[in-house]
Amino acid sequence: MITGGAGAGAGREVANEGFGVPELVAEAALLQARLDWSQGRLARLGERGEQG
């Protein structure tokens, strides 16, 4: 399995690191936070489009 993104060691191999449930829960929480942030940015862009 490969994980990561820009600034997170993109493309590094993690298959042998043995992630458990706590690590997977933390990763899911991080991904949800990134999604929430992105949706907030998109909403603000949409608001600007309606004004102009």
PDB file of N, CA and C in Angstrom:
ATOM      1  N   MET A   1       0.855  -1.181   0.000  1.00  0.00           N
ATOM      2  CA  MET A   1       0.000   0.000   0.000  1.00  0.00           C
ATOM      3  C   MET A   1       0.894   1.236   0.000  1.00  0.00           C
ATOM      4  N   ILE A   2       0.462   2.265  -0.698  1.00  0.00           N
ATOM      5  CA  ILE A   2       1.175   3.539  -0.753  1.00  0.00           C
ATOM      6  C   ILE A   2       0.272   4.602  -0.163  1.00  0.00           C
ATOM      7  N   THR A   3       0.848   5.456   0.657  1.00  0.00           N
ATOM      8  CA  THR A   3       0.069   6.530   1.271  1.00  0.00           C
ATOM      9  C   THR A   3       0.834   7.827   1.158  1.00  0.00           C
ATOM     10  N   GLY A   4       0.192   8.902   1.532  1.00  0.00           N
ATOM     11  CA  GLY A   4       0.870  10.195   1.554  1.00  0.00           C
ATOM     12  C   GLY A   4       0.321  11.130   0.515  1.00  0.00           C
ATOM     13  N   GLY A   5       0.823  12.318   0.535  1.00  0.00           N
ATOM     14  CA  GLY A   5       0.432  13.350  -0.407  1.00  0.00           C
ATOM     15  C   GLY A   5       1.518  14.397  -0.401  1.00  0.00           C
ATOM     16  N   ALA A   6       1.245  15.507  -0.990  1.00  0.00           N
ATOM     17  CA  ALA A   6       2.235  16.582  -1.017  1.00  0.00           C
ATOM     18  C   ALA A   6       2.624  16.937   0.413  1.00  0.00           C
ATOM     19  N   GLY A   7       3.889  16.903   0.688  1.00  0.00           N
ATOM     20  CA  GLY A   7       4.364  17.236   2.022  1.00  0.00           C
ATOM     21  C   GLY A   7       4.295  16.100   3.020  1.00  0.00           C
ATOM     22  N   ALA A   8       3.796  14.950   2.601  1.00  0.00           N
ATOM     23  CA  ALA A   8       3.689  13.824   3.526  1.00  0.00           C
ATOM     24  C   ALA A   8       4.524  12.646   3.061  1.00  0.00           C
ATOM     25  N   GLY A   9       5.619  12.920   2.353  1.00  0.00           N
ATOM     26  CA  GLY A   9       6.444  11.835   1.850  1.00  0.00           C
ATOM     27  C   GLY A   9       5.739  11.089   0.741  1.00  0.00           C
ATOM     28  N   ALA A  10       5.260  11.811  -0.244  1.00  0.00           N
ATOM     29  CA  ALA A  10       4.438  11.238  -1.310  1.00  0.00           C
ATOM     30  C   ALA A  10       5.078   9.989  -1.891  1.00  0.00           C
ATOM     31  N   GLY A  11       4.292   8.930  -1.978  1.00  0.00           N
ATOM     32  CA  GLY A  11       4.723   7.716  -2.625  1.00  0.00           C
ATOM     33  C   GLY A  11       5.596   6.814  -1.786  1.00  0.00           C
ATOM     34  N   ARG A  12       5.677   7.031  -0.505  1.00  0.00           N
ATOM     35  CA  ARG A  12       6.531   6.155   0.286  1.00  0.00           C
ATOM     36  C   ARG A  12       5.808   4.853   0.600  1.00  0.00           C
ATOM     37  N   GLU A  13       6.546   3.792   0.633  1.00  0.00           N
ATOM     38  CA  GLU A  13       5.988   2.475   0.902  1.00  0.00           C
ATOM     39  C   GLU A  13       5.699   2.337   2.395  1.00  0.00           C
ATOM     40  N   VAL A  14       4.508   1.833   2.750  1.00  0.00           N
ATOM     41  CA  VAL A  14       4.152   1.672   4.153  1.00  0.00           C
ATOM     42  C   VAL A  14       3.594   0.284   4.443  1.00  0.00           C
ATOM     43  N   ALA A  15       3.660  -0.630   3.500  1.00  0.00           N
ATOM     44  CA  ALA A  15       3.056  -1.944   3.670  1.00  0.00           C
ATOM     45  C   ALA A  15       3.646  -2.699   4.854  1.00  0.00           C
ATOM     46  N   ASN A  16       4.905  -2.545   5.136  1.00  0.00           N
ATOM     47  CA  ASN A  16       5.550  -3.311   6.189  1.00  0.00           C
ATOM     48  C   ASN A  16       5.559  -2.606   7.533  1.00  0.00           C
ATOM     49  N   GLU A  17       4.936  -1.453   7.628  1.00  0.00           N
ATOM     50  CA  GLU A  17       4.953  -0.715   8.884  1.00  0.00           C
ATOM     51  C   GLU A  17       3.901  -1.220   9.867  1.00  0.00           C
ATOM     52  N   GLY A  18       2.954  -2.024   9.427  1.00  0.00           N
ATOM     53  CA  GLY A  18       1.986  -2.634  10.323  1.00  0.00           C
ATOM     54  C   GLY A  18       1.049  -1.668  11.008  1.00  0.00           C
ATOM     55  N   PHE A  19       0.334  -0.871  10.247  1.00  0.00           N
ATOM     56  CA  PHE A  19      -0.634   0.047  10.835  1.00  0.00           C
ATOM     57  C   PHE A  19      -1.748  -0.736  11.513  1.00  0.00           C
ATOM     58  N   GLY A  20      -2.201  -0.231  12.646  1.00  0.00           N
ATOM     59  CA  GLY A  20      -3.311  -0.833  13.363  1.00  0.00           C
ATOM     60  C   GLY A  20      -4.525   0.072  13.289  1.00  0.00           C
ATOM     61  N   VAL A  21      -5.524  -0.278  14.056  1.00  0.00           N
ATOM     62  CA  VAL A  21      -6.779   0.475  14.050  1.00  0.00           C
ATOM     63  C   VAL A  21      -6.570   1.936  14.475  1.00  0.00           C
ATOM     64  N   PRO A  22      -5.811   2.230  15.520  1.00  0.00           N
ATOM     65  CA  PRO A  22      -5.640   3.639  15.908  1.00  0.00           C
ATOM     66  C   PRO A  22      -5.038   4.490  14.792  1.00  0.00           C
ATOM     67  N   GLU A  23      -4.063   3.930  14.072  1.00  0.00           N
ATOM     68  CA  GLU A  23      -3.450   4.679  12.978  1.00  0.00           C
ATOM     69  C   GLU A  23      -4.429   4.895  11.831  1.00  0.00           C
ATOM     70  N   LEU A  24      -5.235   3.893  11.551  1.00  0.00           N
ATOM     71  CA  LEU A  24      -6.230   4.026  10.486  1.00  0.00           C
ATOM     72  C   LEU A  24      -7.313   5.032  10.861  1.00  0.00           C
ATOM     73  N   VAL A  25      -7.707   5.059  12.112  1.00  0.00           N
ATOM     74  CA  VAL A  25      -8.694   6.037  12.582  1.00  0.00           C
ATOM     75  C   VAL A  25      -8.120   7.445  12.473  1.00  0.00           C
ATOM     76  N   ALA A  26      -6.860   7.612  12.846  1.00  0.00           N
ATOM     77  CA  ALA A  26      -6.220   8.918  12.745  1.00  0.00           C
ATOM     78  C   ALA A  26      -6.131   9.357  11.286  1.00  0.00           C
ATOM     79  N   GLU A  27      -5.791   8.444  10.392  1.00  0.00           N
ATOM     80  CA  GLU A  27      -5.717   8.766   8.968  1.00  0.00           C
ATOM     81  C   GLU A  27      -7.092   9.163   8.431  1.00  0.00           C
ATOM     82  N   ALA A  28      -8.132   8.446   8.828  1.00  0.00           N
ATOM     83  CA  ALA A  28      -9.488   8.780   8.396  1.00  0.00           C
ATOM     84  C   ALA A  28      -9.891  10.166   8.904  1.00  0.00           C
ATOM     85  N   ALA A  29      -9.524  10.491  10.133  1.00  0.00           N
ATOM     86  CA  ALA A  29      -9.842  11.810  10.686  1.00  0.00           C
ATOM     87  C   ALA A  29      -9.117  12.910   9.916  1.00  0.00           C
ATOM     88  N   LEU A  30      -7.868  12.662   9.561  1.00  0.00           N
ATOM     89  CA  LEU A  30      -7.113  13.640   8.784  1.00  0.00           C
ATOM     90  C   LEU A  30      -7.728  13.843   7.404  1.00  0.00           C
ATOM     91  N   LEU A  31      -8.109  12.762   6.764  1.00  0.00           N
ATOM     92  CA  LEU A  31      -8.741  12.877   5.455  1.00  0.00           C
ATOM     93  C   LEU A  31     -10.075  13.618   5.541  1.00  0.00           C
ATOM     94  N   GLN A  32     -10.847  13.377   6.602  1.00  0.00           N
ATOM     95  CA  GLN A  32     -12.120  14.083   6.777  1.00  0.00           C
ATOM     96  C   GLN A  32     -11.880  15.570   6.985  1.00  0.00           C
ATOM     97  N   ALA A  33     -10.857  15.912   7.757  1.00  0.00           N
ATOM     98  CA  ALA A  33     -10.542  17.329   7.974  1.00  0.00           C
ATOM     99  C   ALA A  33     -10.149  18.004   6.665  1.00  0.00           C
ATOM    100  N   ARG A  34      -9.360  17.307   5.840  1.00  0.00           N
ATOM    101  CA  ARG A  34      -8.979  17.870   4.546  1.00  0.00           C
ATOM    102  C   ARG A  34     -10.201  18.050   3.650  1.00  0.00           C
ATOM    103  N   LEU A  35     -11.106  17.093   3.678  1.00  0.00           N
ATOM    104  CA  LEU A  35     -12.329  17.189   2.879  1.00  0.00           C
ATOM    105  C   LEU A  35     -13.180  18.370   3.344  1.00  0.00           C
ATOM    106  N   ASP A  36     -13.341  18.510   4.655  1.00  0.00           N
ATOM    107  CA  ASP A  36     -14.124  19.627   5.202  1.00  0.00           C
ATOM    108  C   ASP A  36     -13.517  20.966   4.791  1.00  0.00           C
ATOM    109  N   TRP A  37     -12.181  21.069   4.866  1.00  0.00           N
ATOM    110  CA  TRP A  37     -11.496  22.299   4.480  1.00  0.00           C
ATOM    111  C   TRP A  37     -11.733  22.597   3.003  1.00  0.00           C
ATOM    112  N   SER A  38     -11.597  21.582   2.173  1.00  0.00           N
ATOM    113  CA  SER A  38     -11.780  21.758   0.724  1.00  0.00           C
ATOM    114  C   SER A  38     -13.209  22.172   0.393  1.00  0.00           C
ATOM    115  N   GLN A  39     -14.177  21.559   1.051  1.00  0.00           N
ATOM    116  CA  GLN A  39     -15.576  21.926   0.807  1.00  0.00           C
ATOM    117  C   GLN A  39     -15.848  23.355   1.240  1.00  0.00           C
ATOM    118  N   GLY A  40     -15.228  23.798   2.324  1.00  0.00           N
ATOM    119  CA  GLY A  40     -15.378  25.185   2.761  1.00  0.00           C
ATOM    120  C   GLY A  40     -14.811  26.157   1.737  1.00  0.00           C
ATOM    121  N   ARG A  41     -13.648  25.809   1.180  1.00  0.00           N
ATOM    122  CA  ARG A  41     -13.041  26.657   0.144  1.00  0.00           C
ATOM    123  C   ARG A  41     -13.942  26.724  -1.086  1.00  0.00           C
ATOM    124  N   LEU A  42     -14.477  25.586  -1.503  1.00  0.00           N
ATOM    125  CA  LEU A  42     -15.360  25.563  -2.665  1.00  0.00           C
ATOM    126  C   LEU A  42     -16.622  26.388  -2.416  1.00  0.00           C
ATOM    127  N   ALA A  43     -17.155  26.316  -1.209  1.00  0.00           N
ATOM    128  CA  ALA A  43     -18.352  27.093  -0.880  1.00  0.00           C
ATOM    129  C   ALA A  43     -18.060  28.587  -0.976  1.00  0.00           C
ATOM    130  N   ARG A  44     -16.889  29.015  -0.479  1.00  0.00           N
ATOM    131  CA  ARG A  44     -16.538  30.430  -0.574  1.00  0.00           C
ATOM    132  C   ARG A  44     -16.354  30.867  -2.024  1.00  0.00           C
ATOM    133  N   LEU A  45     -15.776  30.006  -2.846  1.00  0.00           N
ATOM    134  CA  LEU A  45     -15.630  30.332  -4.265  1.00  0.00           C
ATOM    135  C   LEU A  45     -16.994  30.474  -4.926  1.00  0.00           C
ATOM    136  N   GLY A  46     -17.925  29.611  -4.549  1.00  0.00           N
ATOM    137  CA  GLY A  46     -19.279  29.693  -5.088  1.00  0.00           C
ATOM    138  C   GLY A  46     -19.979  30.987  -4.700  1.00  0.00           C
ATOM    139  N   GLU A  47     -19.758  31.434  -3.462  1.00  0.00           N
ATOM    140  CA  GLU A  47     -20.360  32.675  -3.001  1.00  0.00           C
ATOM    141  C   GLU A  47     -19.831  33.862  -3.802  1.00  0.00           C
ATOM    142  N   ARG A  48     -18.551  33.855  -4.100  1.00  0.00           N
ATOM    143  CA  ARG A  48     -17.955  34.934  -4.910  1.00  0.00           C
ATOM    144  C   ARG A  48     -18.551  34.956  -6.309  1.00  0.00           C
ATOM    145  N   GLY A  49     -18.808  33.791  -6.872  1.00  0.00           N
ATOM    146  CA  GLY A  49     -19.359  33.693  -8.220  1.00  0.00           C
ATOM    147  C   GLY A  49     -20.775  34.258  -8.300  1.00  0.00           C
ATOM    148  N   GLU A  50     -21.540  34.113  -7.223  1.00  0.00           N
ATOM    149  CA  GLU A  50     -22.905  34.625  -7.213  1.00  0.00           C
ATOM    150  C   GLU A  50     -22.923  36.142  -7.103  1.00  0.00           C
ATOM    151  N   GLN A  51     -21.914  36.732  -6.486  1.00  0.00           N
ATOM    152  CA  GLN A  51     -21.875  38.180  -6.311  1.00  0.00           C
ATOM    153  C   GLN A  51     -21.416  38.904  -7.573  1.00  0.00           C
ATOM    154  N   GLY A  52     -20.543  38.251  -8.362  1.00  0.00           N
ATOM    155  CA  GLY A  52     -19.945  38.952  -9.493  1.00  0.00           C
ATOM    156  C   GLY A  52     -20.504  38.557 -10.739  1.00  0.00           C
TER     157      GLY A  52
END
